[in-house]
Amino acid sequence: MTEEERLAREKNEEEVEKEGKEGKEEFAGEIKNMGILDLTGLENAEKLQRTSRLENIGTILVPENLLDSLMNISMKNVGSITPIPSGEKYKIRTGQITLSANFLASGEEDTLLILSGQIILKEPPAKIGFKGLHIHGQLIAPENSKDVLDQAIERFSGQILYYQGKNPKTLTGDQSFTRKFFELIEEPVTLILVGDSRIEGSIPDDLLRQKIADLIIVGELKAEEEVVPVLQLLSSSVTGEISAL
């Protein structure tokens, strides 16, 4: 073996050893500040047992057989925990998701669809092609999709909000609306507001009635005091509050 080959081999051995150490330390101590922590590659609880704390994590994906071990770890500000069934073929969608009826209808018959986060369905599916649905979080769906979804949902933790109108328009985050916004709406909409929103100024009752087919609030909606009653009347679901400015 030449000197160059010997040095290359030693360097490679050092890198392999370093990678091994890093892999063992990956779950040691605290794990913080992650949108998604994917633990589905773990085969046993050994690495989890070296973890002392989980903090500021949006979603944790964990094999179902390791869920009890995960729950023994100290946690702070963990959004959701999604158990993944062992031995199943699955697809995962996480975060804020808008699903089409076609996507749900064309799913594989041998595959579970696992949804974690805030899921919005804008049109009712004729069927669910997937083997089943596991939902962890909040599902917002048309009221006439209830029967199809009820038959497909195998596991659920969270909240389902059904809206009555058509033509859904979803707005997230901090939003501010004026009379001009409602005047520009050509056909009545189902207005889905996620976050903190405000309606500025005095809006005529008949204008709101003409333009809003249904109102879904997830968060807080503030408006002038005289506008609040009609908003309360138009809303079919409020997870939060409609209040005066």
Protein backbone atom coordinates (compact mmCIF):
# COMPACT_ATOMS: atom_id res chain seq x y z
CA MET A 1 0.00 0.00 0.00
CA THR A 2 1.41 3.34 -1.00
CA GLU A 3 1.64 6.26 1.44
CA GLU A 4 -1.07 8.09 -0.52
CA GLU A 5 -3.42 5.09 -0.33
CA ARG A 6 -2.73 4.70 3.41
CA LEU A 7 -3.55 8.34 4.11
CA ALA A 8 -6.73 8.13 2.02
CA ARG A 9 -7.84 5.03 3.91
CA GLU A 10 -7.20 6.65 7.30
CA LYS A 11 -9.14 9.74 6.23
CA ASN A 12 -12.07 7.58 5.11
CA GLU A 13 -12.04 5.65 8.41
CA GLU A 14 -12.03 8.95 10.34
CA GLU A 15 -15.03 10.20 8.34
CA VAL A 16 -16.95 6.97 8.89
CA GLU A 17 -16.22 7.12 12.62
CA LYS A 18 -17.26 10.79 12.75
CA GLU A 19 -20.54 10.04 10.92
CA GLY A 20 -21.25 7.23 13.35
CA LYS A 21 -20.72 9.54 16.33
CA GLU A 22 -22.86 12.25 14.81
CA GLY A 23 -25.64 9.73 14.16
CA LYS A 24 -25.57 8.62 17.80
CA GLU A 25 -25.54 12.21 19.06
CA GLU A 26 -28.33 13.31 16.75
CA PHE A 27 -30.99 12.40 19.31
CA ALA A 28 -28.90 13.14 22.39
CA GLY A 29 -29.90 15.95 24.72
CA GLU A 30 -32.45 18.48 23.42
CA ILE A 31 -34.01 18.83 19.98
CA LYS A 32 -35.32 22.32 19.24
CA ASN A 33 -36.76 24.63 16.62
CA MET A 34 -37.87 22.32 13.82
CA GLY A 35 -40.90 22.52 11.58
CA ILE A 36 -41.11 18.74 11.20
CA LEU A 37 -39.23 16.13 13.21
CA ASP A 38 -39.35 12.88 11.24
CA LEU A 39 -38.64 9.85 13.42
CA THR A 40 -40.07 7.29 11.01
CA GLY A 41 -36.59 5.92 10.28
CA LEU A 42 -36.10 4.73 13.86
CA GLU A 43 -36.38 0.98 14.35
CA ASN A 44 -36.37 1.00 18.15
CA ALA A 45 -36.51 3.36 21.13
CA GLU A 46 -32.74 3.41 21.79
CA LYS A 47 -32.11 6.83 20.25
CA LEU A 48 -35.25 8.31 21.77
CA GLN A 49 -34.06 7.28 25.22
CA ARG A 50 -31.04 9.56 24.78
CA THR A 51 -33.29 12.57 24.14
CA SER A 52 -34.07 14.66 27.21
CA ARG A 53 -36.34 17.36 25.75
CA LEU A 54 -38.25 18.39 22.63
CA GLU A 55 -39.03 22.08 22.18
CA ASN A 56 -40.53 24.37 19.51
CA ILE A 57 -41.41 21.65 17.00
CA GLY A 58 -44.37 21.93 14.63
CA THR A 59 -45.06 18.27 13.87
CA ILE A 60 -43.47 15.03 15.05
CA LEU A 61 -43.84 11.94 12.85
CA VAL A 62 -43.23 8.82 14.91
CA PRO A 63 -43.67 5.06 14.30
CA GLU A 64 -46.75 3.90 16.15
CA ASN A 65 -44.80 1.32 18.17
CA LEU A 66 -42.50 4.07 19.52
CA LEU A 67 -45.27 6.48 20.55
CA ASP A 68 -45.15 5.51 24.24
CA SER A 69 -41.38 6.08 24.35
CA LEU A 70 -41.79 9.46 22.70
CA MET A 71 -44.42 10.52 25.24
CA ASN A 72 -41.93 9.90 28.06
CA ILE A 73 -39.77 12.77 26.78
CA SER A 74 -40.25 16.27 28.21
CA MET A 75 -41.90 18.55 25.60
CA LYS A 76 -42.62 22.24 25.20
CA ASN A 77 -44.39 23.98 22.30
CA VAL A 78 -44.92 20.85 20.21
CA GLY A 79 -47.73 21.40 17.73
CA SER A 80 -48.83 17.85 16.88
CA ILE A 81 -47.68 14.26 17.13
CA THR A 82 -48.57 11.99 14.23
CA PRO A 83 -48.22 8.23 14.78
CA ILE A 84 -47.34 6.26 11.64
CA PRO A 85 -48.77 2.71 11.50
CA SER A 86 -46.20 -0.05 11.32
CA GLY A 87 -46.20 -2.26 8.24
CA GLU A 88 -48.52 0.01 6.25
CA LYS A 89 -47.93 1.75 2.95
CA TYR A 90 -48.70 5.42 3.43
CA LYS A 91 -48.46 8.97 2.13
CA ILE A 92 -47.97 11.94 4.45
CA ARG A 93 -49.02 15.57 4.00
CA THR A 94 -48.19 18.05 6.76
CA GLY A 95 -48.64 21.76 7.38
CA GLN A 96 -51.33 23.91 5.83
CA ILE A 97 -52.70 21.82 3.00
CA THR A 98 -55.31 22.41 0.32
CA LEU A 99 -56.52 19.12 -1.18
CA SER A 100 -58.39 18.62 -4.42
CA ALA A 101 -61.29 16.20 -4.74
CA ASN A 102 -59.42 14.51 -7.61
CA PHE A 103 -56.38 13.83 -5.42
CA LEU A 104 -58.52 12.11 -2.80
CA ALA A 105 -60.53 10.14 -5.36
CA SER A 106 -57.45 8.88 -7.23
CA GLY A 107 -55.57 7.60 -4.18
CA GLU A 108 -54.06 4.11 -4.15
CA GLU A 109 -56.30 1.43 -2.60
CA ASP A 110 -53.41 -0.10 -0.61
CA THR A 111 -52.15 3.23 0.80
CA LEU A 112 -53.13 5.21 3.88
CA LEU A 113 -53.24 8.99 3.58
CA ILE A 114 -51.95 10.64 6.76
CA LEU A 115 -52.74 14.34 7.12
CA SER A 116 -51.29 16.47 9.88
CA GLY A 117 -51.89 20.19 10.31
CA GLN A 118 -54.59 22.36 8.82
CA ILE A 119 -56.30 20.69 5.87
CA ILE A 120 -58.70 22.54 3.57
CA LEU A 121 -60.93 20.74 1.08
CA LYS A 122 -62.51 23.10 -1.44
CA GLU A 123 -64.85 20.66 -3.17
CA PRO A 124 -66.53 17.41 -2.13
CA PRO A 125 -64.90 14.23 -3.47
CA ALA A 126 -67.11 11.64 -5.14
CA LYS A 127 -65.10 8.98 -3.30
CA ILE A 128 -61.90 8.40 -1.35
CA GLY A 129 -59.53 6.18 -3.31
CA PHE A 130 -57.06 5.69 -0.46
CA LYS A 131 -57.28 2.72 1.89
CA GLY A 132 -58.17 5.14 4.68
CA LEU A 133 -57.54 8.59 6.14
CA HIS A 134 -55.68 9.39 9.34
CA ILE A 135 -56.21 13.03 10.29
CA HIS A 136 -54.34 14.86 13.05
CA GLY A 137 -55.21 18.54 13.23
CA GLN A 138 -57.97 20.62 11.71
CA LEU A 139 -60.02 19.70 8.66
CA ILE A 140 -62.15 22.33 6.89
CA ALA A 141 -64.45 20.76 4.30
CA PRO A 142 -67.76 21.27 2.45
CA GLU A 143 -70.78 20.06 4.39
CA ASN A 144 -71.83 17.76 1.54
CA SER A 145 -68.55 15.85 1.82
CA LYS A 146 -69.37 14.65 5.34
CA ASP A 147 -70.73 11.21 4.41
CA VAL A 148 -67.78 10.35 2.16
CA LEU A 149 -65.23 11.54 4.71
CA ASP A 150 -66.92 9.76 7.63
CA GLN A 151 -66.61 6.45 5.79
CA ALA A 152 -62.93 7.01 4.97
CA ILE A 153 -61.57 8.44 8.23
CA GLU A 154 -60.04 5.61 10.26
CA ARG A 155 -58.28 7.73 12.85
CA PHE A 156 -58.87 11.30 13.87
CA SER A 157 -57.60 13.73 16.49
CA GLY A 158 -58.44 17.41 16.28
CA GLN A 159 -61.38 19.26 14.79
CA ILE A 160 -63.55 19.12 11.67
CA LEU A 161 -65.28 22.29 10.46
CA TYR A 162 -67.90 21.86 7.74
CA TYR A 163 -68.95 24.89 5.70
CA GLN A 164 -72.23 25.30 3.85
CA GLY A 165 -71.53 27.62 0.93
CA LYS A 166 -69.68 27.21 -2.35
CA ASN A 167 -66.76 29.05 -3.95
CA PRO A 168 -64.46 28.96 -0.91
CA LYS A 169 -61.81 31.66 -0.51
CA THR A 170 -59.19 31.00 2.14
CA LEU A 171 -57.10 33.78 3.64
CA THR A 172 -54.49 33.17 6.33
CA GLY A 173 -52.49 35.40 8.63
CA ASP A 174 -53.28 39.00 9.53
CA GLN A 175 -55.85 40.37 7.10
CA SER A 176 -57.65 43.70 6.81
CA PHE A 177 -60.80 44.23 4.70
CA THR A 178 -62.60 47.36 3.59
CA ARG A 179 -65.94 47.88 1.89
CA LYS A 180 -64.14 47.84 -1.48
CA PHE A 181 -63.10 44.20 -0.94
CA PHE A 182 -66.72 43.06 -0.61
CA GLU A 183 -67.86 45.21 -3.54
CA LEU A 184 -65.28 43.50 -5.79
CA ILE A 185 -66.63 40.00 -5.06
CA GLU A 186 -68.60 38.96 -8.14
CA GLU A 187 -70.27 35.80 -6.79
CA PRO A 188 -71.05 34.91 -3.18
CA VAL A 189 -68.04 33.29 -1.49
CA THR A 190 -67.43 31.05 1.47
CA LEU A 191 -64.89 33.15 3.33
CA ILE A 192 -62.46 31.09 5.41
CA LEU A 193 -60.30 33.30 7.64
CA VAL A 194 -57.40 31.70 9.49
CA GLY A 195 -55.59 34.05 11.83
CA ASP A 196 -56.39 37.55 13.10
CA SER A 197 -58.52 39.64 10.74
CA ARG A 198 -60.20 43.06 10.76
CA ILE A 199 -63.05 44.60 8.81
CA GLU A 200 -62.47 48.33 8.63
CA GLY A 201 -65.29 50.85 8.56
CA SER A 202 -69.03 50.42 8.45
CA ILE A 203 -70.19 47.81 5.92
CA PRO A 204 -73.90 47.69 5.00
CA ASP A 205 -75.67 44.55 6.18
CA ASP A 206 -77.15 43.85 2.73
CA LEU A 207 -73.70 44.00 1.11
CA LEU A 208 -72.30 41.38 3.50
CA ARG A 209 -75.37 39.18 3.02
CA GLN A 210 -75.05 39.38 -0.78
CA LYS A 211 -71.34 38.57 -0.89
CA ILE A 212 -70.77 36.06 1.94
CA ALA A 213 -72.40 32.67 1.48
CA ASP A 214 -70.74 31.31 4.62
CA LEU A 215 -68.12 32.52 7.05
CA ILE A 216 -65.58 30.26 8.79
CA ILE A 217 -63.40 31.86 11.46
CA VAL A 218 -60.31 30.15 12.86
CA GLY A 219 -58.79 32.83 15.02
CA GLU A 220 -60.18 36.30 15.66
CA LEU A 221 -62.25 38.64 13.52
CA LYS A 222 -62.78 42.25 14.64
CA ALA A 223 -65.20 44.74 13.11
CA GLU A 224 -67.16 47.86 13.96
CA GLU A 225 -69.72 47.17 16.68
CA GLU A 226 -72.71 47.53 14.35
CA VAL A 227 -71.18 45.05 11.87
CA VAL A 228 -70.55 42.28 14.43
CA PRO A 229 -74.12 40.91 14.61
CA VAL A 230 -74.43 40.26 10.87
CA LEU A 231 -71.01 38.54 10.86
CA GLN A 232 -72.15 36.32 13.70
CA LEU A 233 -75.30 35.50 11.77
CA LEU A 234 -73.40 34.64 8.57
CA SER A 235 -70.79 32.44 10.27
CA SER A 236 -71.47 28.70 10.45
CA SER A 237 -68.32 27.97 12.45
CA VAL A 238 -66.18 30.09 14.75
CA THR A 239 -63.10 28.67 16.43
CA GLY A 240 -62.04 31.81 18.21
CA GLU A 241 -63.99 35.06 18.40
CA ILE A 242 -65.90 37.70 16.46
CA SER A 243 -65.70 40.93 18.44
CA ALA A 244 -65.93 44.72 18.17
CA LEU A 245 -62.92 46.90 17.37
